[in-house]
Amino acid sequence: MHAPPAINARWPFEGPVTVLPPDHSAARVHLEPIGREAWNYCCELACLNMGEYLRRRGQTCNTEGWMTKAASREFFAIQFDGRRVGFASVWHDRDNDALHLGDLQIEASHRGQGIGSTTLRYIIEMASARRLKAVTLHVFRENPALHLYRRQGFHVVDRCFDKLTLRRDVPPPAGSRNPS
């Protein structure tokens, strides 16, 4: 298990956040909150990355539906060495007191470099800082990202046809007291 990423002190979301991955010390992964101006990029990347999974199921990417859902999510550009290479979207799942990871999309040419792992560790830290109990997500059973999620401590909590719901409990924020 890796140590949690080091984040800057400007919390939460007062501009860019730099995450220095302990296992890729020369690399820099930078997450920055983004708004509607970047949604087209996000939607295009999500459709590109998820297209094959949807085609296998006789479905297509519903860009209008994606854009409608986007209004209720927080988006973060994932930058690697100063270049945008993906994005993550999250929202507060009040039913489970969890941060739900709706998207973790990385351009194909930048996969396998620790960017997804680092981003995921940051999302876990974000949930902890917000005093949420867990991070949850949905993933197709055959998606190779399932291995990434399991390495980061996620476990299956539900199965629905060909999708899995994963959960990872998060520790309380550093310095907080555990109520007894």
Protein backbone atom coordinates (compact mmCIF):
# COMPACT_ATOMS: atom_id res chain seq x y z
CA MET A 1 0.00 0.00 0.00
CA HIS A 2 1.31 3.43 -0.92
CA ALA A 3 1.36 6.40 1.41
CA PRO A 4 -1.32 8.97 0.64
CA PRO A 5 -0.24 11.68 -1.79
CA ALA A 6 1.18 14.91 -0.47
CA ILE A 7 -1.15 17.78 -1.28
CA ASN A 8 -0.68 21.49 -0.92
CA ALA A 9 -2.24 23.39 1.98
CA ARG A 10 -4.80 25.31 -0.09
CA TRP A 11 -7.74 23.11 0.76
CA PRO A 12 -10.36 22.62 -0.51
CA PHE A 13 -10.21 23.71 -4.12
CA GLU A 14 -8.60 27.09 -3.85
CA GLY A 15 -7.04 26.69 -7.24
CA PRO A 16 -4.76 23.97 -8.55
CA VAL A 17 -3.62 21.08 -6.39
CA THR A 18 -0.33 19.34 -7.03
CA VAL A 19 -0.03 15.69 -6.14
CA LEU A 20 3.44 14.21 -5.92
CA PRO A 21 3.21 10.45 -6.26
CA PRO A 22 5.62 8.58 -3.98
CA ASP A 23 6.18 5.88 -6.59
CA HIS A 24 6.87 8.29 -9.48
CA SER A 25 8.81 11.07 -7.78
CA ALA A 26 10.00 12.60 -11.06
CA ALA A 27 6.44 12.84 -12.39
CA ARG A 28 3.99 15.56 -11.51
CA VAL A 29 0.26 15.01 -11.59
CA HIS A 30 -1.72 18.19 -11.25
CA LEU A 31 -5.50 18.33 -10.67
CA GLU A 32 -7.39 21.52 -11.28
CA PRO A 33 -11.11 22.20 -10.86
CA ILE A 34 -12.72 22.90 -14.23
CA GLY A 35 -16.14 24.07 -15.32
CA ARG A 36 -18.42 24.03 -18.34
CA GLU A 37 -15.71 25.36 -20.63
CA ALA A 38 -14.02 21.93 -20.55
CA TRP A 39 -17.11 19.71 -20.72
CA ASN A 40 -16.79 19.11 -24.48
CA TYR A 41 -13.27 17.73 -23.99
CA CYS A 42 -14.48 15.59 -21.08
CA CYS A 43 -17.49 14.24 -22.96
CA GLU A 44 -15.43 13.45 -26.07
CA LEU A 45 -12.78 11.62 -24.02
CA ALA A 46 -15.40 9.66 -22.06
CA CYS A 47 -17.14 8.62 -25.28
CA LEU A 48 -13.83 7.67 -26.89
CA ASN A 49 -12.69 5.62 -23.89
CA MET A 50 -16.06 3.98 -23.20
CA GLY A 51 -17.16 3.53 -26.83
CA GLU A 52 -16.04 -0.09 -27.19
CA TYR A 53 -17.73 -1.14 -23.94
CA LEU A 54 -20.96 0.50 -25.08
CA ARG A 55 -20.79 -0.98 -28.62
CA ARG A 56 -20.47 -4.49 -27.15
CA ARG A 57 -23.78 -3.82 -25.41
CA GLY A 58 -25.50 -2.38 -28.47
CA GLN A 59 -25.37 1.12 -27.01
CA THR A 60 -23.85 4.42 -28.06
CA CYS A 61 -22.50 7.31 -26.07
CA ASN A 62 -25.36 9.59 -25.08
CA THR A 63 -23.69 12.99 -25.17
CA GLU A 64 -26.88 14.87 -24.30
CA GLY A 65 -27.48 12.67 -21.25
CA TRP A 66 -23.82 12.98 -20.26
CA MET A 67 -23.98 16.79 -20.44
CA THR A 68 -27.18 16.83 -18.36
CA LYS A 69 -25.57 14.73 -15.61
CA ALA A 70 -22.43 16.87 -15.74
CA ALA A 71 -24.30 19.81 -14.22
CA SER A 72 -24.46 18.02 -10.84
CA ARG A 73 -20.79 16.94 -10.73
CA GLU A 74 -17.44 18.45 -9.89
CA PHE A 75 -14.80 18.15 -12.61
CA PHE A 76 -11.03 18.12 -12.35
CA ALA A 77 -8.59 18.32 -15.23
CA ILE A 78 -5.77 15.82 -14.84
CA GLN A 79 -2.50 17.33 -16.01
CA PHE A 80 0.74 15.43 -16.36
CA ASP A 81 3.95 17.43 -16.77
CA GLY A 82 1.85 20.50 -17.61
CA ARG A 83 -0.34 18.86 -20.27
CA ARG A 84 -4.01 17.98 -19.83
CA VAL A 85 -4.24 14.20 -20.23
CA GLY A 86 -7.64 13.42 -18.74
CA PHE A 87 -10.26 14.31 -16.20
CA ALA A 88 -12.11 13.05 -13.16
CA SER A 89 -15.66 13.80 -12.06
CA VAL A 90 -17.13 13.28 -8.60
CA TRP A 91 -20.28 13.95 -6.63
CA HIS A 92 -21.45 13.50 -3.06
CA ASP A 93 -23.51 10.32 -2.74
CA ARG A 94 -25.56 11.32 0.30
CA ASP A 95 -27.24 7.90 0.59
CA ASN A 96 -23.88 6.25 1.28
CA ASP A 97 -22.04 9.26 2.75
CA ALA A 98 -19.48 8.71 0.01
CA LEU A 99 -17.71 10.55 -2.76
CA HIS A 100 -18.78 8.86 -5.98
CA LEU A 101 -16.22 8.79 -8.78
CA GLY A 102 -18.28 9.10 -11.95
CA ASP A 103 -15.39 9.37 -14.37
CA LEU A 104 -11.68 8.74 -14.31
CA GLN A 105 -10.74 9.14 -17.95
CA ILE A 106 -7.14 9.27 -19.18
CA GLU A 107 -6.02 9.62 -22.77
CA ALA A 108 -4.77 6.27 -24.11
CA SER A 109 -1.28 7.59 -24.81
CA HIS A 110 -0.80 8.43 -21.12
CA ARG A 111 -2.00 5.24 -19.47
CA GLY A 112 0.39 3.00 -17.57
CA GLN A 113 2.40 5.90 -16.14
CA GLY A 114 0.89 6.05 -12.65
CA ILE A 115 -1.44 8.93 -13.48
CA GLY A 116 -4.62 6.98 -12.69
CA SER A 117 -3.18 5.61 -9.44
CA THR A 118 -2.10 9.05 -8.32
CA THR A 119 -5.42 10.62 -9.25
CA LEU A 120 -7.30 7.89 -7.44
CA ARG A 121 -5.24 8.39 -4.28
CA TYR A 122 -6.03 12.10 -4.48
CA ILE A 123 -9.78 11.37 -4.80
CA ILE A 124 -9.53 9.15 -1.69
CA GLU A 125 -7.79 11.98 0.17
CA MET A 126 -10.49 14.39 -1.03
CA ALA A 127 -13.21 12.15 0.43
CA SER A 128 -11.32 11.96 3.71
CA ALA A 129 -10.89 15.74 3.88
CA ARG A 130 -14.64 16.12 3.32
CA ARG A 131 -15.19 13.69 6.21
CA LEU A 132 -16.98 11.18 3.99
CA LYS A 133 -16.88 7.48 4.78
CA ALA A 134 -15.94 6.07 1.40
CA VAL A 135 -15.28 6.45 -2.31
CA THR A 136 -17.58 4.50 -4.63
CA LEU A 137 -17.64 3.91 -8.38
CA HIS A 138 -19.13 1.72 -11.10
CA VAL A 139 -17.03 -0.22 -13.60
CA PHE A 140 -17.70 -2.73 -16.38
CA ARG A 141 -16.48 -6.19 -15.38
CA GLU A 142 -14.04 -6.42 -18.29
CA ASN A 143 -12.56 -2.93 -17.89
CA PRO A 144 -8.81 -3.21 -17.20
CA ALA A 145 -9.17 -0.31 -14.72
CA LEU A 146 -10.73 -2.85 -12.35
CA HIS A 147 -7.17 -3.96 -11.52
CA LEU A 148 -6.22 -0.37 -10.66
CA TYR A 149 -9.20 -0.02 -8.34
CA ARG A 150 -8.45 -3.29 -6.57
CA ARG A 151 -4.79 -2.28 -6.08
CA GLN A 152 -6.05 0.89 -4.43
CA GLY A 153 -8.16 -1.08 -1.92
CA PHE A 154 -11.58 -1.05 -3.59
CA HIS A 155 -13.82 -4.09 -3.21
CA VAL A 156 -17.04 -5.20 -4.92
CA VAL A 157 -20.18 -4.33 -2.99
CA ASP A 158 -22.77 -4.96 -5.72
CA ARG A 159 -23.15 -6.58 -9.13
CA CYS A 160 -25.73 -5.53 -11.67
CA PHE A 161 -25.58 -7.45 -14.93
CA ASP A 162 -22.16 -6.56 -16.37
CA LYS A 163 -21.31 -3.68 -14.04
CA LEU A 164 -19.73 -3.79 -10.62
CA THR A 165 -20.12 -1.27 -7.83
CA LEU A 166 -16.89 -0.82 -5.91
CA ARG A 167 -16.24 0.84 -2.57
CA ARG A 168 -13.21 1.84 -0.57
CA ASP A 169 -13.59 3.09 2.97
CA VAL A 170 -11.42 6.10 3.70
CA PRO A 171 -9.59 7.06 6.87
CA PRO A 172 -10.62 10.18 8.78
CA PRO A 173 -8.64 13.31 7.93
CA ALA A 174 -5.23 13.62 9.53
CA GLY A 175 -5.43 15.21 12.96
CA SER A 176 -9.13 14.48 13.46
CA ARG A 177 -10.34 12.68 16.52
CA ASN A 178 -12.21 9.43 16.28
CA PRO A 179 -15.47 9.82 18.25
CA SER A 180 -15.95 7.01 20.77
